[in-house]
Amino acid sequence: MEESNGKSRRITPEEKLEIFLEVQRGNVTKAEVIRRHGIHSAELARIERRATEALIEGFKKDKRKKDPEKETLTREIDRLKEALTEQSVEVTLLRKKVNGV
């Protein structure tokens, strides 16, 4: 991706992604990708390294984000289950007491 005056132009993130994907598909050699895009092999290596690092980071952050409302509701459900269990025990004890058991 060089201009005719010899200065290299900036490669957009979208172009870097396309370059990375071309190499990963394996349909063409790295040399062909380098030639087609007018980049240096060091630039291709940098693109591959950064893309790989970004993917790894993305997978690390892929853990489901916790929904605060869901967490609050889950805690409330647990609290209500515990209260229901306690009341059930109390009812059972009162029944035994009333029935003389």
PDB file of N, CA and C in Angstrom:
ATOM      1  N   MET A   1       0.813  -1.162   0.000  1.00  0.00           N
ATOM      2  CA  MET A   1       0.000   0.000   0.000  1.00  0.00           C
ATOM      3  C   MET A   1       0.871   1.244   0.000  1.00  0.00           C
ATOM      4  N   GLU A   2       1.746   1.268  -0.926  1.00  0.00           N
ATOM      5  CA  GLU A   2       2.627   2.414  -1.038  1.00  0.00           C
ATOM      6  C   GLU A   2       2.143   3.351  -2.116  1.00  0.00           C
ATOM      7  N   GLU A   3       2.375   4.630  -1.879  1.00  0.00           N
ATOM      8  CA  GLU A   3       2.065   5.613  -2.894  1.00  0.00           C
ATOM      9  C   GLU A   3       3.254   5.725  -3.823  1.00  0.00           C
ATOM     10  N   SER A   4       3.036   6.318  -4.982  1.00  0.00           N
ATOM     11  CA  SER A   4       4.092   6.380  -5.986  1.00  0.00           C
ATOM     12  C   SER A   4       5.271   7.231  -5.561  1.00  0.00           C
ATOM     13  N   ASN A   5       5.104   8.156  -4.600  1.00  0.00           N
ATOM     14  CA  ASN A   5       6.217   9.004  -4.184  1.00  0.00           C
ATOM     15  C   ASN A   5       7.139   8.305  -3.183  1.00  0.00           C
ATOM     16  N   GLY A   6       6.890   7.048  -2.911  1.00  0.00           N
ATOM     17  CA  GLY A   6       7.772   6.282  -2.036  1.00  0.00           C
ATOM     18  C   GLY A   6       7.369   6.301  -0.572  1.00  0.00           C
ATOM     19  N   LYS A   7       6.460   7.180  -0.202  1.00  0.00           N
ATOM     20  CA  LYS A   7       5.999   7.222   1.190  1.00  0.00           C
ATOM     21  C   LYS A   7       4.887   6.203   1.368  1.00  0.00           C
ATOM     22  N   SER A   8       4.953   5.471   2.443  1.00  0.00           N
ATOM     23  CA  SER A   8       3.893   4.492   2.678  1.00  0.00           C
ATOM     24  C   SER A   8       2.718   5.188   3.351  1.00  0.00           C
ATOM     25  N   ARG A   9       1.531   4.773   2.978  1.00  0.00           N
ATOM     26  CA  ARG A   9       0.350   5.373   3.594  1.00  0.00           C
ATOM     27  C   ARG A   9      -0.083   4.505   4.761  1.00  0.00           C
ATOM     28  N   ARG A  10      -0.877   5.093   5.612  1.00  0.00           N
ATOM     29  CA  ARG A  10      -1.353   4.351   6.774  1.00  0.00           C
ATOM     30  C   ARG A  10      -2.371   3.312   6.331  1.00  0.00           C
ATOM     31  N   ILE A  11      -2.274   2.157   6.926  1.00  0.00           N
ATOM     32  CA  ILE A  11      -3.210   1.075   6.632  1.00  0.00           C
ATOM     33  C   ILE A  11      -4.329   1.166   7.661  1.00  0.00           C
ATOM     34  N   THR A  12      -5.549   1.189   7.208  1.00  0.00           N
ATOM     35  CA  THR A  12      -6.683   1.295   8.127  1.00  0.00           C
ATOM     36  C   THR A  12      -6.842  -0.013   8.900  1.00  0.00           C
ATOM     37  N   PRO A  13      -7.503   0.044  10.049  1.00  0.00           N
ATOM     38  CA  PRO A  13      -7.773  -1.188  10.795  1.00  0.00           C
ATOM     39  C   PRO A  13      -8.541  -2.210   9.962  1.00  0.00           C
ATOM     40  N   GLU A  14      -9.449  -1.727   9.131  1.00  0.00           N
ATOM     41  CA  GLU A  14     -10.230  -2.636   8.285  1.00  0.00           C
ATOM     42  C   GLU A  14      -9.327  -3.346   7.271  1.00  0.00           C
ATOM     43  N   GLU A  15      -8.369  -2.596   6.716  1.00  0.00           N
ATOM     44  CA  GLU A  15      -7.423  -3.200   5.765  1.00  0.00           C
ATOM     45  C   GLU A  15      -6.516  -4.205   6.478  1.00  0.00           C
ATOM     46  N   LYS A  16      -6.107  -3.870   7.698  1.00  0.00           N
ATOM     47  CA  LYS A  16      -5.266  -4.801   8.466  1.00  0.00           C
ATOM     48  C   LYS A  16      -6.022  -6.091   8.746  1.00  0.00           C
ATOM     49  N   LEU A  17      -7.300  -5.957   9.066  1.00  0.00           N
ATOM     50  CA  LEU A  17      -8.111  -7.147   9.304  1.00  0.00           C
ATOM     51  C   LEU A  17      -8.192  -7.991   8.040  1.00  0.00           C
ATOM     52  N   GLU A  18      -8.427  -7.352   6.912  1.00  0.00           N
ATOM     53  CA  GLU A  18      -8.521  -8.084   5.640  1.00  0.00           C
ATOM     54  C   GLU A  18      -7.197  -8.776   5.328  1.00  0.00           C
ATOM     55  N   ILE A  19      -6.085  -8.093   5.559  1.00  0.00           N
ATOM     56  CA  ILE A  19      -4.757  -8.693   5.329  1.00  0.00           C
ATOM     57  C   ILE A  19      -4.590  -9.910   6.232  1.00  0.00           C
ATOM     58  N   PHE A  20      -4.918  -9.744   7.506  1.00  0.00           N
ATOM     59  CA  PHE A  20      -4.802 -10.846   8.466  1.00  0.00           C
ATOM     60  C   PHE A  20      -5.656 -12.031   8.024  1.00  0.00           C
ATOM     61  N   LEU A  21      -6.896 -11.758   7.630  1.00  0.00           N
ATOM     62  CA  LEU A  21      -7.798 -12.838   7.224  1.00  0.00           C
ATOM     63  C   LEU A  21      -7.318 -13.535   5.956  1.00  0.00           C
ATOM     64  N   GLU A  22      -6.758 -12.778   5.026  1.00  0.00           N
ATOM     65  CA  GLU A  22      -6.220 -13.390   3.802  1.00  0.00           C
ATOM     66  C   GLU A  22      -5.150 -14.414   4.149  1.00  0.00           C
ATOM     67  N   VAL A  23      -4.264 -14.037   5.046  1.00  0.00           N
ATOM     68  CA  VAL A  23      -3.183 -14.951   5.444  1.00  0.00           C
ATOM     69  C   VAL A  23      -3.758 -16.163   6.156  1.00  0.00           C
ATOM     70  N   GLN A  24      -4.732 -15.943   7.043  1.00  0.00           N
ATOM     71  CA  GLN A  24      -5.305 -17.036   7.820  1.00  0.00           C
ATOM     72  C   GLN A  24      -6.085 -18.019   6.952  1.00  0.00           C
ATOM     73  N   ARG A  25      -6.721 -17.523   5.918  1.00  0.00           N
ATOM     74  CA  ARG A  25      -7.477 -18.416   5.024  1.00  0.00           C
ATOM     75  C   ARG A  25      -6.553 -19.416   4.340  1.00  0.00           C
ATOM     76  N   GLY A  26      -5.321 -18.992   4.073  1.00  0.00           N
ATOM     77  CA  GLY A  26      -4.342 -19.894   3.487  1.00  0.00           C
ATOM     78  C   GLY A  26      -4.504 -20.117   1.994  1.00  0.00           C
ATOM     79  N   ASN A  27      -5.344 -19.346   1.343  1.00  0.00           N
ATOM     80  CA  ASN A  27      -5.534 -19.504  -0.100  1.00  0.00           C
ATOM     81  C   ASN A  27      -4.376 -18.922  -0.904  1.00  0.00           C
ATOM     82  N   VAL A  28      -3.639 -18.015  -0.290  1.00  0.00           N
ATOM     83  CA  VAL A  28      -2.497 -17.385  -0.952  1.00  0.00           C
ATOM     84  C   VAL A  28      -1.313 -17.386   0.012  1.00  0.00           C
ATOM     85  N   THR A  29      -0.128 -17.256  -0.528  1.00  0.00           N
ATOM     86  CA  THR A  29       1.056 -17.237   0.327  1.00  0.00           C
ATOM     87  C   THR A  29       1.199 -15.870   0.972  1.00  0.00           C
ATOM     88  N   LYS A  30       1.988 -15.832   2.028  1.00  0.00           N
ATOM     89  CA  LYS A  30       2.263 -14.552   2.679  1.00  0.00           C
ATOM     90  C   LYS A  30       2.942 -13.600   1.699  1.00  0.00           C
ATOM     91  N   ALA A  31       3.815 -14.151   0.874  1.00  0.00           N
ATOM     92  CA  ALA A  31       4.510 -13.311  -0.109  1.00  0.00           C
ATOM     93  C   ALA A  31       3.513 -12.647  -1.050  1.00  0.00           C
ATOM     94  N   GLU A  32       2.480 -13.386  -1.449  1.00  0.00           N
ATOM     95  CA  GLU A  32       1.467 -12.809  -2.332  1.00  0.00           C
ATOM     96  C   GLU A  32       0.690 -11.699  -1.627  1.00  0.00           C
ATOM     97  N   VAL A  33       0.367 -11.922  -0.375  1.00  0.00           N
ATOM     98  CA  VAL A  33      -0.370 -10.908   0.393  1.00  0.00           C
ATOM     99  C   VAL A  33       0.490  -9.658   0.540  1.00  0.00           C
ATOM    100  N   ILE A  34       1.764  -9.853   0.861  1.00  0.00           N
ATOM    101  CA  ILE A  34       2.688  -8.725   1.010  1.00  0.00           C
ATOM    102  C   ILE A  34       2.769  -7.938  -0.295  1.00  0.00           C
ATOM    103  N   ARG A  35       2.929  -8.625  -1.390  1.00  0.00           N
ATOM    104  CA  ARG A  35       3.053  -7.987  -2.695  1.00  0.00           C
ATOM    105  C   ARG A  35       1.754  -7.278  -3.085  1.00  0.00           C
ATOM    106  N   ARG A  36       0.637  -7.944  -2.895  1.00  0.00           N
ATOM    107  CA  ARG A  36      -0.651  -7.374  -3.293  1.00  0.00           C
ATOM    108  C   ARG A  36      -0.962  -6.087  -2.531  1.00  0.00           C
ATOM    109  N   HIS A  37      -0.597  -6.058  -1.255  1.00  0.00           N
ATOM    110  CA  HIS A  37      -0.923  -4.895  -0.428  1.00  0.00           C
ATOM    111  C   HIS A  37       0.231  -3.901  -0.344  1.00  0.00           C
ATOM    112  N   GLY A  38       1.367  -4.245  -0.928  1.00  0.00           N
ATOM    113  CA  GLY A  38       2.498  -3.334  -0.937  1.00  0.00           C
ATOM    114  C   GLY A  38       3.053  -3.043   0.440  1.00  0.00           C
ATOM    115  N   ILE A  39       3.101  -4.078   1.271  1.00  0.00           N
ATOM    116  CA  ILE A  39       3.625  -3.903   2.624  1.00  0.00           C
ATOM    117  C   ILE A  39       4.907  -4.694   2.781  1.00  0.00           C
ATOM    118  N   HIS A  40       5.640  -4.397   3.831  1.00  0.00           N
ATOM    119  CA  HIS A  40       6.875  -5.108   4.144  1.00  0.00           C
ATOM    120  C   HIS A  40       6.527  -6.331   4.994  1.00  0.00           C
ATOM    121  N   SER A  41       7.380  -7.325   4.950  1.00  0.00           N
ATOM    122  CA  SER A  41       7.121  -8.546   5.723  1.00  0.00           C
ATOM    123  C   SER A  41       7.055  -8.251   7.218  1.00  0.00           C
ATOM    124  N   ALA A  42       7.810  -7.247   7.667  1.00  0.00           N
ATOM    125  CA  ALA A  42       7.763  -6.878   9.086  1.00  0.00           C
ATOM    126  C   ALA A  42       6.388  -6.321   9.446  1.00  0.00           C
ATOM    127  N   GLU A  43       5.777  -5.583   8.512  1.00  0.00           N
ATOM    128  CA  GLU A  43       4.428  -5.048   8.753  1.00  0.00           C
ATOM    129  C   GLU A  43       3.422  -6.185   8.843  1.00  0.00           C
ATOM    130  N   LEU A  44       3.565  -7.176   7.992  1.00  0.00           N
ATOM    131  CA  LEU A  44       2.667  -8.332   8.060  1.00  0.00           C
ATOM    132  C   LEU A  44       2.841  -9.054   9.389  1.00  0.00           C
ATOM    133  N   ALA A  45       4.064  -9.234   9.813  1.00  0.00           N
ATOM    134  CA  ALA A  45       4.317  -9.899  11.098  1.00  0.00           C
ATOM    135  C   ALA A  45       3.673  -9.108  12.234  1.00  0.00           C
ATOM    136  N   ARG A  46       3.775  -7.780  12.172  1.00  0.00           N
ATOM    137  CA  ARG A  46       3.184  -6.916  13.197  1.00  0.00           C
ATOM    138  C   ARG A  46       1.652  -7.052  13.188  1.00  0.00           C
ATOM    139  N   ILE A  47       1.068  -7.080  12.000  1.00  0.00           N
ATOM    140  CA  ILE A  47      -0.386  -7.235  11.884  1.00  0.00           C
ATOM    141  C   ILE A  47      -0.824  -8.571  12.491  1.00  0.00           C
ATOM    142  N   GLU A  48      -0.109  -9.630  12.161  1.00  0.00           N
ATOM    143  CA  GLU A  48      -0.458 -10.961  12.684  1.00  0.00           C
ATOM    144  C   GLU A  48      -0.328 -11.006  14.206  1.00  0.00           C
ATOM    145  N   ARG A  49       0.754 -10.441  14.721  1.00  0.00           N
ATOM    146  CA  ARG A  49       0.979 -10.454  16.173  1.00  0.00           C
ATOM    147  C   ARG A  49      -0.109  -9.670  16.897  1.00  0.00           C
ATOM    148  N   ARG A  50      -0.401  -8.460  16.404  1.00  0.00           N
ATOM    149  CA  ARG A  50      -1.402  -7.620  17.061  1.00  0.00           C
ATOM    150  C   ARG A  50      -2.796  -8.243  16.965  1.00  0.00           C
ATOM    151  N   ALA A  51      -3.118  -8.840  15.843  1.00  0.00           N
ATOM    152  CA  ALA A  51      -4.429  -9.477  15.686  1.00  0.00           C
ATOM    153  C   ALA A  51      -4.560 -10.656  16.647  1.00  0.00           C
ATOM    154  N   THR A  52      -3.514 -11.439  16.755  1.00  0.00           N
ATOM    155  CA  THR A  52      -3.529 -12.585  17.665  1.00  0.00           C
ATOM    156  C   THR A  52      -3.686 -12.121  19.110  1.00  0.00           C
ATOM    157  N   GLU A  53      -2.928 -11.093  19.491  1.00  0.00           N
ATOM    158  CA  GLU A  53      -3.027 -10.556  20.852  1.00  0.00           C
ATOM    159  C   GLU A  53      -4.432 -10.019  21.123  1.00  0.00           C
ATOM    160  N   ALA A  54      -5.000  -9.329  20.140  1.00  0.00           N
ATOM    161  CA  ALA A  54      -6.346  -8.768  20.312  1.00  0.00           C
ATOM    162  C   ALA A  54      -7.381  -9.881  20.465  1.00  0.00           C
ATOM    163  N   LEU A  55      -7.224 -10.950  19.709  1.00  0.00           N
ATOM    164  CA  LEU A  55      -8.153 -12.077  19.829  1.00  0.00           C
ATOM    165  C   LEU A  55      -8.055 -12.725  21.199  1.00  0.00           C
ATOM    166  N   ILE A  56      -6.832 -12.898  21.674  1.00  0.00           N
ATOM    167  CA  ILE A  56      -6.642 -13.500  23.001  1.00  0.00           C
ATOM    168  C   ILE A  56      -7.290 -12.632  24.067  1.00  0.00           C
ATOM    169  N   GLU A  57      -7.078 -11.315  23.992  1.00  0.00           N
ATOM    170  CA  GLU A  57      -7.703 -10.401  24.951  1.00  0.00           C
ATOM    171  C   GLU A  57      -9.224 -10.469  24.854  1.00  0.00           C
ATOM    172  N   GLY A  58      -9.705 -10.552  23.627  1.00  0.00           N
ATOM    173  CA  GLY A  58     -11.145 -10.648  23.432  1.00  0.00           C
ATOM    174  C   GLY A  58     -11.721 -11.896  24.069  1.00  0.00           C
ATOM    175  N   PHE A  59     -10.999 -13.009  23.969  1.00  0.00           N
ATOM    176  CA  PHE A  59     -11.467 -14.248  24.584  1.00  0.00           C
ATOM    177  C   PHE A  59     -11.424 -14.153  26.105  1.00  0.00           C
ATOM    178  N   LYS A  60     -10.436 -13.455  26.634  1.00  0.00           N
ATOM    179  CA  LYS A  60     -10.358 -13.286  28.090  1.00  0.00           C
ATOM    180  C   LYS A  60     -11.537 -12.475  28.597  1.00  0.00           C
ATOM    181  N   LYS A  61     -11.938 -11.462  27.837  1.00  0.00           N
ATOM    182  CA  LYS A  61     -13.033 -10.593  28.246  1.00  0.00           C
ATOM    183  C   LYS A  61     -14.380 -11.176  27.870  1.00  0.00           C
ATOM    184  N   ASP A  62     -14.383 -12.331  27.247  1.00  0.00           N
ATOM    185  CA  ASP A  62     -15.606 -12.935  26.745  1.00  0.00           C
ATOM    186  C   ASP A  62     -16.505 -13.453  27.853  1.00  0.00           C
ATOM    187  N   LYS A  63     -15.988 -13.464  29.067  1.00  0.00           N
ATOM    188  CA  LYS A  63     -16.807 -13.949  30.168  1.00  0.00           C
ATOM    189  C   LYS A  63     -18.057 -13.090  30.234  1.00  0.00           C
ATOM    190  N   ARG A  64     -19.147 -13.740  30.461  1.00  0.00           N
ATOM    191  CA  ARG A  64     -20.421 -13.026  30.465  1.00  0.00           C
ATOM    192  C   ARG A  64     -20.397 -11.917  31.521  1.00  0.00           C
ATOM    193  N   LYS A  65     -20.790 -10.752  31.062  1.00  0.00           N
ATOM    194  CA  LYS A  65     -20.856  -9.623  31.986  1.00  0.00           C
ATOM    195  C   LYS A  65     -22.020  -9.857  32.927  1.00  0.00           C
ATOM    196  N   LYS A  66     -21.772  -9.583  34.179  1.00  0.00           N
ATOM    197  CA  LYS A  66     -22.806  -9.802  35.168  1.00  0.00           C
ATOM    198  C   LYS A  66     -23.813  -8.662  35.115  1.00  0.00           C
ATOM    199  N   ASP A  67     -25.073  -9.054  35.082  1.00  0.00           N
ATOM    200  CA  ASP A  67     -26.163  -8.095  35.075  1.00  0.00           C
ATOM    201  C   ASP A  67     -26.512  -7.793  36.526  1.00  0.00           C
ATOM    202  N   PRO A  68     -26.335  -6.539  36.974  1.00  0.00           N
ATOM    203  CA  PRO A  68     -26.600  -6.207  38.374  1.00  0.00           C
ATOM    204  C   PRO A  68     -28.041  -6.506  38.786  1.00  0.00           C
ATOM    205  N   GLU A  69     -28.978  -6.269  37.892  1.00  0.00           N
ATOM    206  CA  GLU A  69     -30.375  -6.541  38.227  1.00  0.00           C
ATOM    207  C   GLU A  69     -30.601  -8.040  38.411  1.00  0.00           C
ATOM    208  N   LYS A  70     -29.964  -8.837  37.549  1.00  0.00           N
ATOM    209  CA  LYS A  70     -30.104 -10.292  37.663  1.00  0.00           C
ATOM    210  C   LYS A  70     -29.493 -10.776  38.978  1.00  0.00           C
ATOM    211  N   GLU A  71     -28.339 -10.216  39.343  1.00  0.00           N
ATOM    212  CA  GLU A  71     -27.702 -10.613  40.600  1.00  0.00           C
ATOM    213  C   GLU A  71     -28.590 -10.260  41.791  1.00  0.00           C
ATOM    214  N   THR A  72     -29.208  -9.076  41.759  1.00  0.00           N
ATOM    215  CA  THR A  72     -30.099  -8.650  42.840  1.00  0.00           C
ATOM    216  C   THR A  72     -31.283  -9.599  42.938  1.00  0.00           C
ATOM    217  N   LEU A  73     -31.867  -9.942  41.810  1.00  0.00           N
ATOM    218  CA  LEU A  73     -33.015 -10.845  41.805  1.00  0.00           C
ATOM    219  C   LEU A  73     -32.630 -12.247  42.277  1.00  0.00           C
ATOM    220  N   THR A  74     -31.448 -12.692  41.893  1.00  0.00           N
ATOM    221  CA  THR A  74     -30.978 -14.011  42.339  1.00  0.00           C
ATOM    222  C   THR A  74     -30.816 -14.036  43.860  1.00  0.00           C
ATOM    223  N   ARG A  75     -30.232 -12.975  44.403  1.00  0.00           N
ATOM    224  CA  ARG A  75     -30.082 -12.902  45.869  1.00  0.00           C
ATOM    225  C   ARG A  75     -31.453 -12.871  46.553  1.00  0.00           C
ATOM    226  N   GLU A  76     -32.398 -12.148  45.964  1.00  0.00           N
ATOM    227  CA  GLU A  76     -33.754 -12.071  46.531  1.00  0.00           C
ATOM    228  C   GLU A  76     -34.425 -13.438  46.492  1.00  0.00           C
ATOM    229  N   ILE A  77     -34.256 -14.162  45.398  1.00  0.00           N
ATOM    230  CA  ILE A  77     -34.817 -15.519  45.303  1.00  0.00           C
ATOM    231  C   ILE A  77     -34.227 -16.413  46.383  1.00  0.00           C
ATOM    232  N   ASP A  78     -32.914 -16.343  46.570  1.00  0.00           N
ATOM    233  CA  ASP A  78     -32.260 -17.159  47.603  1.00  0.00           C
ATOM    234  C   ASP A  78     -32.793 -16.801  48.996  1.00  0.00           C
ATOM    235  N   ARG A  79     -32.960 -15.492  49.248  1.00  0.00           N
ATOM    236  CA  ARG A  79     -33.472 -15.050  50.547  1.00  0.00           C
ATOM    237  C   ARG A  79     -34.897 -15.560  50.763  1.00  0.00           C
ATOM    238  N   LEU A  80     -35.721 -15.486  49.721  1.00  0.00           N
ATOM    239  CA  LEU A  80     -37.111 -15.944  49.838  1.00  0.00           C
ATOM    240  C   LEU A  80     -37.195 -17.461  50.018  1.00  0.00           C
ATOM    241  N   LYS A  81     -36.321 -18.190  49.351  1.00  0.00           N
ATOM    242  CA  LYS A  81     -36.286 -19.652  49.527  1.00  0.00           C
ATOM    243  C   LYS A  81     -35.954 -19.999  50.970  1.00  0.00           C
ATOM    244  N   GLU A  82     -34.985 -19.284  51.528  1.00  0.00           N
ATOM    245  CA  GLU A  82     -34.587 -19.535  52.917  1.00  0.00           C
ATOM    246  C   GLU A  82     -35.739 -19.201  53.869  1.00  0.00           C
ATOM    247  N   ALA A  83     -36.428 -18.078  53.623  1.00  0.00           N
ATOM    248  CA  ALA A  83     -37.562 -17.685  54.467  1.00  0.00           C
ATOM    249  C   ALA A  83     -38.684 -18.715  54.360  1.00  0.00           C
ATOM    250  N   LEU A  84     -38.936 -19.200  53.152  1.00  0.00           N
ATOM    251  CA  LEU A  84     -39.980 -20.203  52.946  1.00  0.00           C
ATOM    252  C   LEU A  84     -39.635 -21.498  53.684  1.00  0.00           C
ATOM    253  N   THR A  85     -38.395 -21.888  53.646  1.00  0.00           N
ATOM    254  CA  THR A  85     -37.957 -23.101  54.350  1.00  0.00           C
ATOM    255  C   THR A  85     -38.179 -22.935  55.850  1.00  0.00           C
ATOM    256  N   GLU A  86     -37.804 -21.763  56.388  1.00  0.00           N
ATOM    257  CA  GLU A  86     -37.993 -21.521  57.828  1.00  0.00           C
ATOM    258  C   GLU A  86     -39.469 -21.561  58.203  1.00  0.00           C
ATOM    259  N   GLN A  87     -40.326 -20.938  57.385  1.00  0.00           N
ATOM    260  CA  GLN A  87     -41.758 -20.935  57.679  1.00  0.00           C
ATOM    261  C   GLN A  87     -42.342 -22.335  57.571  1.00  0.00           C
ATOM    262  N   SER A  88     -41.835 -23.115  56.625  1.00  0.00           N
ATOM    263  CA  SER A  88     -42.311 -24.485  56.479  1.00  0.00           C
ATOM    264  C   SER A  88     -41.988 -25.296  57.733  1.00  0.00           C
ATOM    265  N   VAL A  89     -40.800 -25.091  58.256  1.00  0.00           N
ATOM    266  CA  VAL A  89     -40.404 -25.798  59.483  1.00  0.00           C
ATOM    267  C   VAL A  89     -41.295 -25.355  60.641  1.00  0.00           C
ATOM    268  N   GLU A  90     -41.569 -24.042  60.737  1.00  0.00           N
ATOM    269  CA  GLU A  90     -42.418 -23.523  61.811  1.00  0.00           C
ATOM    270  C   GLU A  90     -43.837 -24.105  61.718  1.00  0.00           C
ATOM    271  N   VAL A  91     -44.384 -24.167  60.512  1.00  0.00           N
ATOM    272  CA  VAL A  91     -45.732 -24.720  60.316  1.00  0.00           C
ATOM    273  C   VAL A  91     -45.756 -26.183  60.737  1.00  0.00           C
ATOM    274  N   THR A  92     -44.728 -26.916  60.344  1.00  0.00           N
ATOM    275  CA  THR A  92     -44.650 -28.339  60.703  1.00  0.00           C
ATOM    276  C   THR A  92     -44.611 -28.504  62.220  1.00  0.00           C
ATOM    277  N   LEU A  93     -43.811 -27.686  62.903  1.00  0.00           N
ATOM    278  CA  LEU A  93     -43.718 -27.762  64.373  1.00  0.00           C
ATOM    279  C   LEU A  93     -45.039 -27.385  65.036  1.00  0.00           C
ATOM    280  N   LEU A  94     -45.711 -26.344  64.523  1.00  0.00           N
ATOM    281  CA  LEU A  94     -46.995 -25.927  65.092  1.00  0.00           C
ATOM    282  C   LEU A  94     -48.059 -27.014  64.895  1.00  0.00           C
ATOM    283  N   ARG A  95     -48.050 -27.663  63.743  1.00  0.00           N
ATOM    284  CA  ARG A  95     -49.012 -28.744  63.495  1.00  0.00           C
ATOM    285  C   ARG A  95     -48.797 -29.882  64.478  1.00  0.00           C
ATOM    286  N   LYS A  96     -47.544 -30.217  64.710  1.00  0.00           N
ATOM    287  CA  LYS A  96     -47.236 -31.295  65.645  1.00  0.00           C
ATOM    288  C   LYS A  96     -47.714 -30.905  67.048  1.00  0.00           C
ATOM    289  N   LYS A  97     -47.512 -29.636  67.409  1.00  0.00           N
ATOM    290  CA  LYS A  97     -47.891 -29.155  68.732  1.00  0.00           C
ATOM    291  C   LYS A  97     -49.412 -29.175  68.893  1.00  0.00           C
ATOM    292  N   VAL A  98     -50.126 -28.746  67.858  1.00  0.00           N
ATOM    293  CA  VAL A  98     -51.592 -28.710  67.900  1.00  0.00           C
ATOM    294  C   VAL A  98     -52.169 -30.124  67.918  1.00  0.00           C
ATOM    295  N   ASN A  99     -51.586 -31.008  67.166  1.00  0.00           N
ATOM    296  CA  ASN A  99     -52.090 -32.373  67.083  1.00  0.00           C
ATOM    297  C   ASN A  99     -51.585 -33.238  68.233  1.00  0.00           C
ATOM    298  N   GLY A 100     -50.779 -32.683  69.079  1.00  0.00           N
ATOM    299  CA  GLY A 100     -50.312 -33.408  70.252  1.00  0.00           C
ATOM    300  C   GLY A 100     -49.286 -34.461  69.959  1.00  0.00           C
ATOM    301  N   VAL A 101     -48.567 -34.334  68.932  1.00  0.00           N
ATOM    302  CA  VAL A 101     -47.575 -35.353  68.583  1.00  0.00           C
ATOM    303  C   VAL A 101     -46.265 -35.056  69.244  1.00  0.00           C
TER     304      VAL A 101
END
